[in-house]
Amino acid sequence: MPGDRIVLLALETTCDETGAAVLEGPRPPAVGVPAIRSSVIASQFDLHERFGGVVPEIASRAHVRQILPVIDEALRRAGVTLDDLGAVAVATRPGLVGALVVGLTAAKALALALDLPLIAVDHLEGHLYACQLAHPARTVYPCVGLVVSGGHTSLYACRGPIDAEVLGGTIDDAAGEAFDKVAGLLGLGYPGGPEIERAARGGNPSSHAFPRSYLRDDRLAFSFSGLKTAVLYALRGQDARTTGGPVPPGVVADVAASFQEAVVDVLVAKTRQALARTGMRRLGVGGGVAANARFRERIAAMADEAGVELFIPPLSLCTDNAAMAGIALAKLAAGQVADLDIDVTPGLVRPSR
């Protein structure tokens, strides 16, 4: 490896995906966007599907089983060994506490054994940094950042990769959690996002007038609990959930389409409001819900209409992954290295419906 380059091993265990990635970038104090050499994800989908949501204890135990094989595979695909590494990064917040501890323990062990700097990464900052990873030749920051996922729905004013101010967020449920809950009400599978999107393709988004909370409110706030309740009442009106019978396919499609449109309406409107308030001309979007095709279509149309440059990662970088912890090289260049006694900072990631 040339002396002006550094190889980073990044780990991700915030929720139910065990991830490891190898990135190569400029050696600090030089700055630049790292290239992804490999990114490996071990999914826990089969373990949590029957519960309709993530079970924290099961997630933690799966991370313990998967973390070393995932690291080995990431190194193999990148064509490097442990001796080639120059730093280790790991997401330490927010997330499920037991899951976070697995990744941090592995990262600490590697950093100690190999005498490497350890960089602690914020998972949400990583979601937005995925925009920069996906567009290395373009300037993403400063920008308004929207993170929309299963556990988080938040807006940020991002002056740089590691310099962000919270503008607002959800006061109750995250958008992704609402997708999971409504999918359950409709008798669809888990995770709910792809299932709702699939069902919505055959439905009428105007068939149900579901609420759009805070749509005309000056606050940069989101709320999806009332929307979930409205879906429940709509289904009770069909006598499906009260009798225990399946929801008719036509009803599933219409409710899914109307629900999806309500969520997208609010996300797009509040993001437009944040852009107007900050005056920023760039928009970065990250998180699992950003993989939704209808949302991507609507947010792109809004950005085009507003004359704003939109940055949104490919689907592989929207859902949880370790590559987005490549933001660690920006932290390393800024001298933000963690001590080996660092602990995790769990946040609210609602585990099940």
Protein backbone atom coordinates (compact mmCIF):
# COMPACT_ATOMS: atom_id res chain seq x y z
CA MET A 1 0.00 0.00 0.00
CA PRO A 2 1.46 3.41 -0.95
CA GLY A 3 2.47 5.53 2.03
CA ASP A 4 -0.11 8.20 1.24
CA ARG A 5 -3.00 5.69 1.38
CA ILE A 6 -4.69 3.95 4.30
CA VAL A 7 -6.86 0.82 4.52
CA LEU A 8 -9.81 1.00 6.90
CA LEU A 9 -11.82 -1.90 8.31
CA ALA A 10 -15.34 -0.77 9.23
CA LEU A 11 -17.89 -2.72 11.29
CA GLU A 12 -21.68 -2.37 11.59
CA THR A 13 -23.86 -4.11 14.22
CA THR A 14 -26.36 -1.43 15.25
CA CYS A 15 -29.50 -3.51 14.73
CA ASP A 16 -30.03 -6.72 12.75
CA GLU A 17 -27.38 -6.60 10.02
CA THR A 18 -23.83 -7.77 10.69
CA GLY A 19 -21.60 -5.80 8.34
CA ALA A 20 -17.91 -5.43 7.59
CA ALA A 21 -16.33 -3.33 4.87
CA VAL A 22 -12.84 -2.50 3.69
CA LEU A 23 -12.23 1.00 2.35
CA GLU A 24 -9.12 2.67 1.00
CA GLY A 25 -8.55 6.40 1.16
CA PRO A 26 -6.02 9.19 1.63
CA ARG A 27 -3.90 8.81 4.73
CA PRO A 28 -4.76 11.54 7.26
CA PRO A 29 -4.17 14.41 7.66
CA ALA A 30 -5.00 14.36 3.94
CA VAL A 31 -8.74 14.27 3.29
CA GLY A 32 -10.75 12.67 0.51
CA VAL A 33 -13.55 10.24 -0.19
CA PRO A 34 -12.48 6.62 0.36
CA ALA A 35 -13.16 3.89 -2.18
CA ILE A 36 -15.10 0.80 -1.13
CA ARG A 37 -12.89 -2.26 -1.65
CA SER A 38 -15.46 -4.69 -0.21
CA SER A 39 -18.72 -4.66 1.73
CA VAL A 40 -20.19 -7.79 3.29
CA ILE A 41 -23.54 -8.05 5.08
CA ALA A 42 -24.93 -11.05 6.96
CA SER A 43 -28.69 -10.66 7.18
CA GLN A 44 -30.78 -11.88 10.11
CA PHE A 45 -34.02 -11.76 8.13
CA ASP A 46 -34.84 -15.45 8.64
CA LEU A 47 -34.35 -15.17 12.40
CA HIS A 48 -36.75 -12.26 12.93
CA GLU A 49 -39.38 -12.78 10.22
CA ARG A 50 -41.73 -14.92 12.32
CA PHE A 51 -41.74 -12.28 15.06
CA GLY A 52 -42.63 -9.46 12.67
CA GLY A 53 -39.74 -7.35 13.96
CA VAL A 54 -36.26 -7.42 15.42
CA VAL A 55 -35.85 -9.31 18.72
CA PRO A 56 -32.85 -7.68 20.43
CA GLU A 57 -31.54 -10.80 22.20
CA ILE A 58 -31.71 -12.87 19.04
CA ALA A 59 -29.99 -10.08 17.11
CA SER A 60 -27.13 -9.89 19.61
CA ARG A 61 -26.50 -13.64 19.57
CA ALA A 62 -26.51 -13.68 15.77
CA HIS A 63 -23.96 -10.86 15.68
CA VAL A 64 -21.68 -12.91 17.95
CA ARG A 65 -21.85 -15.84 15.51
CA GLN A 66 -21.46 -13.77 12.37
CA ILE A 67 -18.99 -10.99 13.15
CA LEU A 68 -15.72 -12.90 12.64
CA PRO A 69 -16.80 -14.72 9.44
CA VAL A 70 -18.05 -11.42 8.01
CA ILE A 71 -14.73 -9.71 8.80
CA ASP A 72 -12.79 -12.57 7.21
CA GLU A 73 -14.93 -12.41 4.07
CA ALA A 74 -14.58 -8.63 3.76
CA LEU A 75 -10.79 -8.92 3.99
CA ARG A 76 -10.76 -11.76 1.46
CA ARG A 77 -12.88 -9.89 -1.08
CA ALA A 78 -10.73 -6.78 -0.72
CA GLY A 79 -7.55 -8.80 -1.21
CA VAL A 80 -5.98 -7.56 2.02
CA THR A 81 -4.90 -9.03 5.35
CA LEU A 82 -5.03 -7.73 8.89
CA ASP A 83 -1.44 -6.55 8.45
CA ASP A 84 -2.58 -4.14 5.72
CA LEU A 85 -5.02 -2.30 7.96
CA GLY A 86 -4.31 1.24 9.11
CA ALA A 87 -7.41 1.86 11.25
CA VAL A 88 -10.58 0.22 12.58
CA ALA A 89 -13.99 1.91 12.67
CA VAL A 90 -17.24 0.82 14.28
CA ALA A 91 -20.72 2.28 14.72
CA THR A 92 -21.23 2.88 18.44
CA ARG A 93 -24.53 4.80 18.33
CA PRO A 94 -27.48 4.74 18.12
CA GLY A 95 -28.86 1.21 18.10
CA LEU A 96 -29.70 -1.83 20.19
CA VAL A 97 -27.31 -1.98 23.12
CA GLY A 98 -26.49 -5.70 22.91
CA ALA A 99 -25.96 -5.50 19.17
CA LEU A 100 -23.71 -2.45 19.42
CA VAL A 101 -21.55 -4.12 22.07
CA VAL A 102 -20.70 -7.01 19.75
CA GLY A 103 -19.31 -4.74 17.05
CA LEU A 104 -17.47 -2.52 19.50
CA THR A 105 -15.89 -5.49 21.27
CA ALA A 106 -14.61 -6.88 17.97
CA ALA A 107 -13.27 -3.48 16.92
CA LYS A 108 -11.54 -2.93 20.26
CA ALA A 109 -9.89 -6.35 20.09
CA LEU A 110 -8.54 -5.68 16.60
CA ALA A 111 -7.36 -2.17 17.46
CA LEU A 112 -5.56 -3.41 20.57
CA ALA A 113 -4.01 -6.49 18.97
CA LEU A 114 -2.86 -4.66 15.84
CA ASP A 115 -2.02 -1.35 17.57
CA LEU A 116 -4.39 0.58 15.29
CA PRO A 117 -6.43 3.73 15.88
CA LEU A 118 -10.07 3.05 16.79
CA ILE A 119 -12.70 5.41 15.39
CA ALA A 120 -16.24 5.49 16.79
CA VAL A 121 -18.88 6.36 14.20
CA ASP A 122 -22.42 7.71 14.50
CA HIS A 123 -24.70 5.40 12.51
CA LEU A 124 -26.93 8.28 11.37
CA GLU A 125 -24.01 10.41 10.18
CA GLY A 126 -22.91 7.32 8.29
CA HIS A 127 -26.26 7.06 6.51
CA LEU A 128 -25.77 10.58 5.18
CA TYR A 129 -22.11 9.99 4.34
CA ALA A 130 -23.29 7.18 2.06
CA CYS A 131 -24.32 10.00 -0.29
CA GLN A 132 -20.69 11.10 -0.53
CA LEU A 133 -19.44 7.53 -0.97
CA ALA A 134 -21.89 7.10 -3.85
CA HIS A 135 -20.80 10.38 -5.50
CA PRO A 136 -17.05 10.65 -4.77
CA ALA A 137 -16.38 13.19 -7.53
CA ARG A 138 -19.10 15.60 -6.37
CA THR A 139 -19.38 17.90 -3.37
CA VAL A 140 -22.22 16.82 -1.08
CA TYR A 141 -21.59 19.11 1.89
CA PRO A 142 -22.90 21.50 3.10
CA CYS A 143 -26.41 20.08 2.70
CA VAL A 144 -29.73 19.41 4.32
CA GLY A 145 -29.68 15.78 5.40
CA LEU A 146 -32.71 13.52 5.75
CA VAL A 147 -32.30 10.16 7.48
CA VAL A 148 -35.40 8.03 7.10
CA SER A 149 -35.23 4.47 8.38
CA GLY A 150 -36.80 1.89 10.66
CA GLY A 151 -35.66 3.59 13.83
CA HIS A 152 -35.14 7.20 12.80
CA THR A 153 -36.73 10.01 10.82
CA SER A 154 -34.68 13.17 11.22
CA LEU A 155 -33.61 16.32 9.38
CA TYR A 156 -30.14 17.85 9.73
CA ALA A 157 -28.21 20.91 8.64
CA CYS A 158 -24.89 19.33 7.66
CA ARG A 159 -21.99 21.74 7.38
CA GLY A 160 -19.63 18.82 6.82
CA PRO A 161 -19.49 15.02 7.24
CA ILE A 162 -18.91 15.29 11.00
CA ASP A 163 -20.55 18.67 11.63
CA ALA A 164 -24.34 18.37 11.69
CA GLU A 165 -27.12 20.11 13.58
CA VAL A 166 -30.48 18.45 14.19
CA LEU A 167 -33.28 20.49 12.64
CA GLY A 168 -36.14 18.22 13.65
CA GLY A 169 -37.40 14.68 13.77
CA THR A 170 -40.21 12.36 14.68
CA ILE A 171 -42.06 12.89 17.93
CA ASP A 172 -43.20 9.27 18.07
CA ASP A 173 -42.66 6.59 15.43
CA ALA A 174 -40.13 6.44 12.63
CA ALA A 175 -41.36 6.11 9.05
CA GLY A 176 -39.80 2.68 8.63
CA GLU A 177 -41.47 1.38 11.75
CA ALA A 178 -44.82 2.61 10.44
CA PHE A 179 -44.22 0.61 7.25
CA ASP A 180 -43.58 -2.51 9.34
CA LYS A 181 -46.66 -2.02 11.51
CA VAL A 182 -49.00 -1.35 8.58
CA ALA A 183 -47.60 -4.33 6.69
CA GLY A 184 -48.53 -6.45 9.70
CA LEU A 185 -52.07 -5.05 9.75
CA LEU A 186 -52.41 -5.91 6.06
CA GLY A 187 -51.15 -9.45 6.56
CA LEU A 188 -48.00 -8.77 4.56
CA GLY A 189 -44.49 -9.98 5.32
CA TYR A 190 -41.51 -8.53 7.15
CA PRO A 191 -39.73 -6.22 6.61
CA GLY A 192 -42.71 -4.09 5.76
CA GLY A 193 -41.11 -1.51 3.48
CA PRO A 194 -40.61 -3.70 0.40
CA GLU A 195 -43.92 -5.48 1.03
CA ILE A 196 -45.92 -2.24 1.18
CA GLU A 197 -44.15 -0.91 -1.91
CA ARG A 198 -44.93 -4.09 -3.83
CA ALA A 199 -48.60 -4.12 -2.80
CA ALA A 200 -49.00 -0.40 -3.52
CA ARG A 201 -48.17 -0.85 -7.21
CA GLY A 202 -51.64 -2.22 -7.85
CA GLY A 203 -53.52 0.22 -5.62
CA ASN A 204 -55.11 3.64 -5.80
CA PRO A 205 -53.19 6.15 -3.64
CA SER A 206 -56.29 8.36 -3.46
CA SER A 207 -58.63 5.64 -2.23
CA HIS A 208 -58.17 6.50 1.46
CA ALA A 209 -57.74 10.02 2.88
CA PHE A 210 -55.17 9.15 5.53
CA PRO A 211 -53.84 11.94 7.78
CA ARG A 212 -50.62 13.84 7.08
CA SER A 213 -49.50 15.00 10.52
CA TYR A 214 -47.72 18.38 10.79
CA LEU A 215 -48.01 18.84 7.03
CA ARG A 216 -48.93 22.52 7.36
CA ASP A 217 -47.12 23.12 10.64
CA ASP A 218 -44.05 25.36 10.82
CA ARG A 219 -42.22 22.86 13.00
CA LEU A 220 -39.84 20.42 11.33
CA ALA A 221 -41.53 17.52 13.07
CA PHE A 222 -42.85 14.16 11.96
CA SER A 223 -45.52 11.93 13.48
CA PHE A 224 -46.71 8.61 12.11
CA SER A 225 -48.62 7.11 15.06
CA GLY A 226 -51.91 8.69 13.98
CA LEU A 227 -51.43 7.40 10.46
CA LYS A 228 -51.02 3.84 11.76
CA THR A 229 -54.21 4.22 13.79
CA ALA A 230 -56.08 5.54 10.76
CA VAL A 231 -55.04 2.47 8.77
CA LEU A 232 -56.28 0.22 11.59
CA TYR A 233 -59.67 1.96 11.64
CA ALA A 234 -59.92 1.77 7.85
CA LEU A 235 -59.39 -1.98 8.01
CA ARG A 236 -61.92 -2.37 10.80
CA GLY A 237 -64.37 -0.70 8.49
CA GLN A 238 -63.73 -3.58 6.09
CA ASP A 239 -64.47 -6.06 8.92
CA ALA A 240 -61.17 -7.78 8.18
CA ARG A 241 -59.20 -7.35 11.38
CA THR A 242 -62.24 -7.69 13.63
CA THR A 243 -63.38 -11.00 12.15
CA GLY A 244 -59.88 -12.41 11.88
CA GLY A 245 -60.19 -12.99 8.15
CA PRO A 246 -57.63 -11.96 5.56
CA VAL A 247 -57.79 -8.49 4.08
CA PRO A 248 -59.16 -8.67 0.49
CA PRO A 249 -56.36 -8.19 -2.08
CA GLY A 250 -57.97 -5.09 -3.57
CA VAL A 251 -58.21 -3.50 -0.14
CA VAL A 252 -54.59 -4.39 0.61
CA ALA A 253 -53.40 -2.67 -2.56
CA ASP A 254 -55.47 0.48 -2.02
CA VAL A 255 -54.58 0.83 1.65
CA ALA A 256 -50.89 0.20 0.93
CA ALA A 257 -50.85 2.80 -1.85
CA SER A 258 -52.72 5.39 0.22
CA PHE A 259 -50.53 4.80 3.27
CA GLN A 260 -47.33 5.01 1.25
CA GLU A 261 -48.46 8.25 -0.40
CA ALA A 262 -49.27 9.79 2.98
CA VAL A 263 -45.80 8.99 4.33
CA VAL A 264 -44.08 10.28 1.21
CA ASP A 265 -46.16 13.47 1.19
CA VAL A 266 -44.97 14.33 4.70
CA LEU A 267 -41.33 13.40 4.10
CA VAL A 268 -41.14 15.48 0.95
CA ALA A 269 -43.01 18.47 2.41
CA LYS A 270 -40.88 18.65 5.56
CA THR A 271 -37.68 18.28 3.57
CA ARG A 272 -38.75 21.13 1.29
CA GLN A 273 -39.46 23.18 4.40
CA ALA A 274 -35.97 22.45 5.80
CA LEU A 275 -34.35 23.50 2.53
CA ALA A 276 -36.27 26.77 2.54
CA ARG A 277 -35.42 27.47 6.17
CA THR A 278 -31.68 26.82 5.82
CA GLY A 279 -31.21 28.19 2.32
CA MET A 280 -29.00 25.22 1.50
CA ARG A 281 -28.86 24.13 -2.14
CA ARG A 282 -27.89 20.50 -1.65
CA LEU A 283 -29.92 17.63 -0.23
CA GLY A 284 -28.56 14.31 1.02
CA VAL A 285 -30.91 11.43 1.81
CA GLY A 286 -30.07 8.17 3.59
CA GLY A 287 -31.66 5.25 5.41
CA GLY A 288 -33.63 2.17 4.48
CA VAL A 289 -36.84 4.00 3.54
CA ALA A 290 -34.80 5.93 0.96
CA ALA A 291 -34.83 2.69 -1.05
CA ASN A 292 -38.58 3.13 -1.66
CA ALA A 293 -39.14 3.84 -5.37
CA ARG A 294 -42.11 6.17 -4.86
CA PHE A 295 -40.19 8.22 -2.31
CA ARG A 296 -37.15 8.45 -4.60
CA GLU A 297 -39.38 9.61 -7.46
CA ARG A 298 -41.12 12.27 -5.38
CA ILE A 299 -38.00 13.59 -3.60
CA ALA A 300 -36.20 13.87 -6.95
CA ALA A 301 -39.12 15.81 -8.44
CA MET A 302 -39.18 18.17 -5.45
CA ALA A 303 -35.42 18.77 -5.63
CA ASP A 304 -35.64 19.47 -9.35
CA GLU A 305 -38.51 21.91 -8.86
CA ALA A 306 -36.65 23.68 -6.05
CA GLY A 307 -33.40 23.85 -8.00
CA VAL A 308 -31.62 21.77 -5.36
CA GLU A 309 -28.87 19.24 -6.04
CA LEU A 310 -30.01 15.83 -4.77
CA PHE A 311 -27.69 13.12 -3.48
CA ILE A 312 -29.23 9.74 -2.78
CA PRO A 313 -27.27 6.48 -2.57
CA PRO A 314 -27.96 3.31 -4.54
CA LEU A 315 -30.17 0.80 -2.76
CA SER A 316 -27.17 -1.16 -1.45
CA LEU A 317 -25.99 1.88 0.52
CA CYS A 318 -29.45 2.90 1.79
CA THR A 319 -30.01 -0.09 4.05
CA ASP A 320 -27.64 -0.78 6.94
CA ASN A 321 -24.09 -1.52 5.84
CA ALA A 322 -20.55 -1.09 7.13
CA ALA A 323 -19.21 0.86 4.15
CA MET A 324 -20.91 4.04 5.32
CA ALA A 325 -18.62 3.96 8.35
CA GLY A 326 -16.02 5.18 5.88
CA ILE A 327 -16.87 8.54 7.45
CA ALA A 328 -14.28 7.41 10.01
CA LEU A 329 -11.45 8.67 7.81
CA ALA A 330 -12.89 12.19 8.06
CA LYS A 331 -12.91 11.79 11.84
CA LEU A 332 -9.38 10.42 11.83
CA ALA A 333 -8.19 13.41 9.79
CA ALA A 334 -9.81 15.66 12.42
CA GLY A 335 -7.99 13.81 15.21
CA GLN A 336 -11.14 12.17 16.55
CA VAL A 337 -9.74 8.85 17.73
CA ALA A 338 -11.54 6.85 20.43
CA ASP A 339 -9.98 5.48 23.60
CA LEU A 340 -10.21 1.74 24.20
CA ASP A 341 -12.52 2.34 27.16
CA ILE A 342 -15.20 3.89 24.95
CA ASP A 343 -18.71 2.52 25.44
CA VAL A 344 -21.75 2.31 23.19
CA THR A 345 -24.53 4.90 23.23
CA PRO A 346 -27.75 3.03 22.46
CA GLY A 347 -30.69 4.94 21.06
CA LEU A 348 -34.32 4.17 20.48
CA VAL A 349 -34.65 1.59 17.71
CA ARG A 350 -38.10 0.09 18.18
CA PRO A 351 -37.56 -3.67 18.04
CA SER A 352 -40.93 -5.17 17.10
CA ARG A 353 -44.50 -4.44 16.16
